[in-house]
């Protein structure tokens, strides 16, 4: 593996944090804006915001954040369902409001009956067919939506980056054919190497050049000033939840320095282009990432010391897809 020296760093803002016992707080739109400003102070490439039943709309939250931030990328969740042109317009609007800093994480969508049928068929041939059908439908939706960016609406970036969360071959294939960023969930370095190789093969089959897709590994983080402090925090959270913390992604418990060791290893030996960190508790672990982890990475020459681009595509080192004569307007629209 010979990855670029510097890697990408993002944060996932999911409710009160990724740990199920994260203390619930009144996360108002203004509170989310403060979280995103904290991430920007750490020079992160972007943040993703989750939404769903009982939560505020992620795209609207990031519209507010666009007015009070300058450089950080803003990536809402966007279910791949409904009217593709309306979906494309919503993302393009955020891209305009943020002066070219928008992305979107498409989520494969299924109706209640279809979801129940899929859950009952997991692990069977019927389940595999249902999954393939869902992702095939999502691919058709994204073809229509991204096509609208070139005909009906014109985002400042030309094409805001698409970020896909993937755990297995079928979603890896969707990422290889349509995405600019893929979030993967390895458990260790060997697992990351295997995932990276599979995605590389699928990327080539899709006719896309190597380096056109950024592979970011997801890691849940429970941080402390010492290993003992981090372990105690994790124990308190697990006790409050009534069960040990498990996740689809790796769970790290320790100091920022030890987390830097892990990220460096996965970058150099596993081939990760970067990482999306999932803070166990917000704002605590996000603040620690911005104020303590990032300086360690900078000292090691692994992360930027200043923003050098103004768009999300620029942060990620992706090709500039703006048409000739279409510069990004760097002025934010005041709200």
Protein backbone atom coordinates (compact mmCIF):
# COMPACT_ATOMS: atom_id res chain seq x y z
CA UNK A 1 0.00 0.00 0.00
CA UNK A 2 1.28 3.49 -0.84
CA UNK A 3 -1.42 6.00 0.15
CA UNK A 4 -0.98 9.74 0.02
CA UNK A 5 0.85 11.11 3.02
CA UNK A 6 -2.02 13.21 4.35
CA UNK A 7 -5.39 11.63 4.97
CA UNK A 8 -8.96 12.90 5.15
CA UNK A 9 -10.87 13.28 8.39
CA UNK A 10 -14.62 13.61 8.92
CA UNK A 11 -17.03 13.37 11.82
CA UNK A 12 -20.45 11.74 12.04
CA UNK A 13 -23.02 13.70 14.05
CA UNK A 14 -25.62 11.16 15.09
CA UNK A 15 -28.10 12.24 17.76
CA UNK A 16 -26.32 12.68 21.10
CA UNK A 17 -23.44 10.46 19.98
CA UNK A 18 -22.85 6.96 18.66
CA UNK A 19 -23.01 5.27 22.07
CA UNK A 20 -26.58 4.25 22.93
CA UNK A 21 -26.15 5.69 26.44
CA UNK A 22 -24.91 9.10 25.27
CA UNK A 23 -26.79 11.57 27.48
CA UNK A 24 -29.69 13.11 25.59
CA UNK A 25 -29.33 16.87 25.17
CA UNK A 26 -31.65 19.45 23.61
CA UNK A 27 -29.80 19.55 20.29
CA UNK A 28 -31.38 22.60 18.72
CA UNK A 29 -30.36 23.81 15.26
CA UNK A 30 -28.05 26.32 16.98
CA UNK A 31 -26.45 23.52 18.99
CA UNK A 32 -25.76 21.56 15.81
CA UNK A 33 -24.23 24.68 14.29
CA UNK A 34 -21.88 24.91 17.30
CA UNK A 35 -20.87 21.28 16.81
CA UNK A 36 -20.06 21.92 13.16
CA UNK A 37 -18.06 25.05 14.00
CA UNK A 38 -16.06 22.93 16.47
CA UNK A 39 -15.35 20.42 13.71
CA UNK A 40 -14.29 23.26 11.40
CA UNK A 41 -11.90 24.56 14.07
CA UNK A 42 -10.17 21.18 13.77
CA UNK A 43 -9.94 21.61 9.95
CA UNK A 44 -12.02 18.48 9.27
CA UNK A 45 -12.92 17.80 5.65
CA UNK A 46 -16.64 17.46 6.38
CA UNK A 47 -19.33 16.39 8.78
CA UNK A 48 -22.23 14.04 8.12
CA UNK A 49 -25.53 14.52 9.92
CA UNK A 50 -28.02 11.70 10.46
CA UNK A 51 -31.75 12.19 10.67
CA UNK A 52 -34.87 10.05 10.88
CA UNK A 53 -38.03 9.70 12.99
CA UNK A 54 -37.99 12.15 15.89
CA UNK A 55 -34.94 14.04 14.59
CA UNK A 56 -34.49 17.34 12.81
CA UNK A 57 -34.02 17.35 9.05
CA UNK A 58 -30.31 17.03 8.27
CA UNK A 59 -30.34 19.14 5.10
CA UNK A 60 -32.13 22.00 6.84
CA UNK A 61 -29.75 21.82 9.81
CA UNK A 62 -26.80 22.08 7.44
CA UNK A 63 -28.42 25.03 5.66
CA UNK A 64 -28.13 26.91 8.95
CA UNK A 65 -24.57 25.66 9.44
CA UNK A 66 -23.65 26.92 5.97
CA UNK A 67 -24.31 30.48 7.14
CA UNK A 68 -22.00 30.26 10.18
CA UNK A 69 -19.08 28.26 8.74
CA UNK A 70 -16.62 28.99 5.96
CA UNK A 71 -14.73 25.91 4.80
CA UNK A 72 -15.98 22.61 6.24
CA UNK A 73 -17.96 20.27 3.99
CA UNK A 74 -21.62 19.62 4.84
CA UNK A 75 -23.10 16.19 4.08
CA UNK A 76 -26.74 15.48 4.96
CA UNK A 77 -28.55 12.17 4.68
CA UNK A 78 -30.68 11.86 1.55
CA UNK A 79 -32.91 8.79 1.12
CA UNK A 80 -32.72 7.66 -2.52
CA UNK A 81 -36.46 7.71 -3.05
CA UNK A 82 -39.19 9.97 -4.36
CA UNK A 83 -38.63 12.53 -7.10
CA UNK A 84 -34.97 12.48 -8.26
CA UNK A 85 -35.20 16.03 -9.59
CA UNK A 86 -36.50 17.35 -6.26
CA UNK A 87 -33.69 15.45 -4.49
CA UNK A 88 -31.10 16.94 -6.84
CA UNK A 89 -32.52 20.43 -6.36
CA UNK A 90 -32.36 20.11 -2.55
CA UNK A 91 -28.68 19.16 -2.65
CA UNK A 92 -27.89 21.83 -5.24
CA UNK A 93 -29.55 24.45 -3.06
CA UNK A 94 -27.33 23.51 -0.11
CA UNK A 95 -24.33 23.65 -2.44
CA UNK A 96 -25.25 27.21 -3.45
CA UNK A 97 -25.90 28.32 0.13
CA UNK A 98 -22.54 26.93 1.26
CA UNK A 99 -20.58 28.20 -1.78
CA UNK A 100 -19.67 24.72 -2.96
CA UNK A 101 -19.31 22.77 0.28
CA UNK A 102 -22.26 20.37 0.03
CA UNK A 103 -22.27 16.62 -0.39
CA UNK A 104 -24.95 14.03 0.28
CA UNK A 105 -25.13 10.51 1.70
CA UNK A 106 -27.75 8.60 -0.27
CA UNK A 107 -29.54 5.98 1.82
CA UNK A 108 -31.16 3.01 0.13
CA UNK A 109 -34.86 3.30 0.92
CA UNK A 110 -37.48 0.59 1.37
CA UNK A 111 -41.14 0.75 2.35
CA UNK A 112 -42.32 -0.83 5.59
CA UNK A 113 -43.62 -3.99 3.94
CA UNK A 114 -40.51 -4.37 1.78
CA UNK A 115 -38.26 -3.81 4.80
CA UNK A 116 -40.12 -6.42 6.85
CA UNK A 117 -39.85 -8.90 4.00
CA UNK A 118 -36.13 -8.23 3.67
CA UNK A 119 -35.48 -8.68 7.40
CA UNK A 120 -37.32 -12.00 7.32
CA UNK A 121 -35.31 -13.20 4.33
CA UNK A 122 -31.80 -12.16 5.41
CA UNK A 123 -29.25 -14.89 4.81
CA UNK A 124 -31.33 -16.57 2.09
CA UNK A 125 -31.27 -16.43 -1.71
CA UNK A 126 -34.53 -14.49 -1.58
CA UNK A 127 -32.87 -11.98 0.74
CA UNK A 128 -29.97 -11.59 -1.67
CA UNK A 129 -32.39 -10.94 -4.52
CA UNK A 130 -34.25 -8.34 -2.47
CA UNK A 131 -31.00 -6.55 -1.56
CA UNK A 132 -29.87 -6.57 -5.18
CA UNK A 133 -33.23 -5.13 -6.25
CA UNK A 134 -33.07 -2.36 -3.63
CA UNK A 135 -29.58 -1.30 -4.62
CA UNK A 136 -30.38 -1.56 -8.31
CA UNK A 137 -33.30 0.79 -7.76
CA UNK A 138 -31.03 3.16 -5.81
CA UNK A 139 -28.53 3.18 -8.69
CA UNK A 140 -31.30 4.13 -11.14
CA UNK A 141 -32.43 6.89 -8.80
CA UNK A 142 -28.90 8.31 -8.50
CA UNK A 143 -28.46 8.21 -12.28
CA UNK A 144 -31.56 10.35 -12.65
CA UNK A 145 -30.70 12.68 -9.77
CA UNK A 146 -27.10 13.35 -10.79
CA UNK A 147 -28.21 13.77 -14.38
CA UNK A 148 -30.45 16.61 -13.24
CA UNK A 149 -27.37 18.43 -11.94
CA UNK A 150 -26.17 18.78 -15.49
CA UNK A 151 -29.47 19.77 -17.07
CA UNK A 152 -32.03 21.27 -14.68
CA UNK A 153 -30.05 22.62 -11.74
CA UNK A 154 -26.40 23.58 -11.63
CA UNK A 155 -24.58 23.21 -8.29
CA UNK A 156 -21.44 25.33 -7.84
CA UNK A 157 -19.32 22.17 -7.66
CA UNK A 158 -20.87 20.70 -10.79
CA UNK A 159 -21.43 17.48 -8.88
CA UNK A 160 -21.58 17.57 -5.07
CA UNK A 161 -19.78 14.48 -3.73
CA UNK A 162 -21.87 11.37 -3.08
CA UNK A 163 -20.89 9.41 0.05
CA UNK A 164 -22.13 5.82 0.50
CA UNK A 165 -22.00 3.71 3.67
CA UNK A 166 -21.16 0.12 2.67
CA UNK A 167 -20.64 -3.15 4.54
CA UNK A 168 -20.62 -5.80 1.79
CA UNK A 169 -20.25 -6.48 -1.93
CA UNK A 170 -23.63 -5.14 -3.15
CA UNK A 171 -23.23 -1.69 -1.54
CA UNK A 172 -19.52 -1.69 -2.47
CA UNK A 173 -20.68 -2.08 -6.08
CA UNK A 174 -23.03 0.90 -5.75
CA UNK A 175 -20.17 2.97 -4.32
CA UNK A 176 -17.81 1.88 -7.09
CA UNK A 177 -20.26 2.86 -9.81
CA UNK A 178 -21.73 6.07 -8.36
CA UNK A 179 -19.97 7.45 -5.27
CA UNK A 180 -17.07 9.79 -4.61
CA UNK A 181 -16.62 8.64 -0.99
CA UNK A 182 -17.35 5.26 0.56
CA UNK A 183 -17.54 4.70 4.32
CA UNK A 184 -16.38 1.18 5.19
CA UNK A 185 -16.42 -0.65 8.51
CA UNK A 186 -13.28 -2.81 8.93
CA UNK A 187 -12.49 -4.50 12.23
CA UNK A 188 -8.71 -4.59 11.73
CA UNK A 189 -5.94 -3.86 9.22
CA UNK A 190 -6.30 -7.17 7.36
CA UNK A 191 -10.03 -6.60 6.99
CA UNK A 192 -9.39 -3.09 5.65
CA UNK A 193 -6.88 -4.39 3.09
CA UNK A 194 -9.39 -6.97 1.84
CA UNK A 195 -12.16 -4.36 1.60
CA UNK A 196 -9.90 -1.95 -0.23
CA UNK A 197 -8.91 -4.64 -2.73
CA UNK A 198 -12.52 -5.65 -3.39
CA UNK A 199 -13.58 -2.05 -3.93
CA UNK A 200 -10.61 -1.52 -6.26
CA UNK A 201 -11.70 -4.49 -8.37
CA UNK A 202 -15.29 -3.23 -8.52
CA UNK A 203 -14.09 0.26 -9.41
CA UNK A 204 -12.15 -1.10 -12.37
CA UNK A 205 -15.16 -3.16 -13.51
CA UNK A 206 -17.25 0.03 -13.38
CA UNK A 207 -14.75 1.66 -15.75
CA UNK A 208 -13.60 4.26 -13.25
CA UNK A 209 -9.93 5.15 -12.70
CA UNK A 210 -8.09 4.27 -9.51
CA UNK A 211 -8.18 7.21 -7.12
CA UNK A 212 -11.63 8.42 -8.18
CA UNK A 213 -13.23 7.02 -5.01
CA UNK A 214 -12.09 7.97 -1.49
CA UNK A 215 -12.23 5.06 0.95
CA UNK A 216 -12.84 6.27 4.53
CA UNK A 217 -12.96 3.84 7.45
CA UNK A 218 -15.57 4.45 10.15
CA UNK A 219 -14.40 4.31 13.78
CA UNK A 220 -16.44 4.92 16.93
CA UNK A 221 -14.32 6.80 19.48
CA UNK A 222 -14.48 6.96 23.29
CA UNK A 223 -11.61 9.26 24.28
CA UNK A 224 -9.89 10.18 27.53
CA UNK A 225 -6.78 11.95 28.82
CA UNK A 226 -5.35 8.55 29.83
CA UNK A 227 -6.20 4.97 29.02
CA UNK A 228 -7.63 4.58 32.50
CA UNK A 229 -9.87 7.62 32.04
CA UNK A 230 -11.11 6.41 28.65
CA UNK A 231 -11.78 2.91 30.00
CA UNK A 232 -13.72 4.38 32.93
CA UNK A 233 -15.83 6.52 30.58
CA UNK A 234 -16.58 3.48 28.43
CA UNK A 235 -17.49 1.41 31.51
CA UNK A 236 -19.91 4.10 32.76
CA UNK A 237 -21.58 4.37 29.37
CA UNK A 238 -21.86 0.60 28.99
CA UNK A 239 -23.31 0.30 32.49
CA UNK A 240 -25.89 2.99 31.71
CA UNK A 241 -26.81 1.18 28.48
CA UNK A 242 -27.00 -2.16 30.27
CA UNK A 243 -24.81 -3.86 27.65
CA UNK A 244 -21.31 -3.49 26.13
CA UNK A 245 -21.09 -1.07 23.23
CA UNK A 246 -21.18 -2.87 19.88
CA UNK A 247 -21.45 -1.36 16.43
CA UNK A 248 -21.21 -2.12 12.74
CA UNK A 249 -17.87 -0.25 12.87
CA UNK A 250 -14.81 -0.65 15.09
CA UNK A 251 -14.98 0.83 18.59
CA UNK A 252 -11.82 2.55 19.87
CA UNK A 253 -11.36 3.39 23.54
CA UNK A 254 -8.22 5.27 24.58
CA UNK A 255 -6.20 8.45 24.30
CA UNK A 256 -5.95 10.74 21.26
CA UNK A 257 -2.33 9.64 20.88
CA UNK A 258 -3.30 5.97 20.69
CA UNK A 259 -6.10 6.78 18.29
CA UNK A 260 -3.55 8.58 16.10
CA UNK A 261 -1.46 5.38 16.16
CA UNK A 262 -4.43 3.35 14.92
CA UNK A 263 -5.36 5.82 12.18
CA UNK A 264 -1.75 6.06 10.99
CA UNK A 265 -1.49 2.28 10.83
CA UNK A 266 -4.76 1.88 8.93
CA UNK A 267 -3.70 4.65 6.55
CA UNK A 268 -0.19 3.38 5.84
CA UNK A 269 -0.73 -0.38 6.08
CA UNK A 270 -4.43 -0.72 5.32
CA UNK A 271 -4.68 1.82 2.52
CA UNK A 272 -7.44 3.99 4.03
CA UNK A 273 -7.71 7.40 2.35
CA UNK A 274 -9.08 8.74 5.61
CA UNK A 275 -11.55 8.22 8.42
CA UNK A 276 -15.02 9.18 9.54
CA UNK A 277 -14.96 9.30 13.32
CA UNK A 278 -18.18 8.64 15.22
CA UNK A 279 -17.95 10.49 18.58
CA UNK A 280 -19.44 8.31 21.32
CA UNK A 281 -20.76 11.37 23.17
CA UNK A 282 -21.40 14.82 21.73
CA UNK A 283 -19.92 17.34 22.09
CA UNK A 284 -17.27 15.75 24.36
CA UNK A 285 -15.53 13.38 21.96
CA UNK A 286 -15.86 15.74 19.00
CA UNK A 287 -14.16 18.51 20.99
CA UNK A 288 -11.35 16.11 21.90
CA UNK A 289 -10.90 15.18 18.25
CA UNK A 290 -10.64 18.86 17.24
CA UNK A 291 -8.41 20.06 20.07
CA UNK A 292 -6.24 17.04 20.90
CA UNK A 293 -6.29 14.44 18.11
CA UNK A 294 -5.81 16.85 15.21
CA UNK A 295 -2.64 18.48 16.67
CA UNK A 296 -1.09 15.01 17.11
CA UNK A 297 -1.86 14.14 13.48
CA UNK A 298 -0.45 17.48 12.34
CA UNK A 299 2.77 16.89 14.27
CA UNK A 300 3.14 13.56 12.45
CA UNK A 301 2.56 15.17 9.06
CA UNK A 302 -0.64 13.21 8.55
CA UNK A 303 -3.20 16.02 8.43
CA UNK A 304 -3.49 19.53 7.06
CA UNK A 305 -2.45 22.56 9.11
CA UNK A 306 -4.78 24.88 7.17
CA UNK A 307 -7.56 24.59 4.64
CA UNK A 308 -6.16 24.88 1.12
CA UNK A 309 -9.44 24.57 -0.79
CA UNK A 310 -12.88 26.14 -0.55
CA UNK A 311 -15.10 23.38 -1.91
CA UNK A 312 -15.77 19.88 -0.60
CA UNK A 313 -14.47 18.40 -3.84
CA UNK A 314 -11.34 20.46 -3.30
CA UNK A 315 -10.87 19.18 0.27
CA UNK A 316 -11.17 15.61 -1.01
CA UNK A 317 -8.84 16.15 -3.95
CA UNK A 318 -11.55 15.19 -6.45
CA UNK A 319 -11.61 16.36 -10.04
CA UNK A 320 -13.11 19.80 -10.61
CA UNK A 321 -16.33 19.20 -12.54
CA UNK A 322 -17.44 22.81 -12.88
CA UNK A 323 -18.05 23.96 -16.42
CA UNK A 324 -15.86 26.65 -17.97
CA UNK A 325 -16.72 30.11 -16.76
CA UNK A 326 -18.49 28.79 -13.66
CA UNK A 327 -16.33 29.81 -10.68
CA UNK A 328 -17.55 29.13 -7.17
CA UNK A 329 -19.02 32.24 -5.60
CA UNK A 330 -17.20 32.29 -2.27
CA UNK A 331 -19.78 34.57 -0.63
CA UNK A 332 -22.13 32.84 1.75
CA UNK A 333 -25.77 33.87 1.50
CA UNK A 334 -26.73 35.37 4.88
CA UNK A 335 -29.72 33.77 6.58
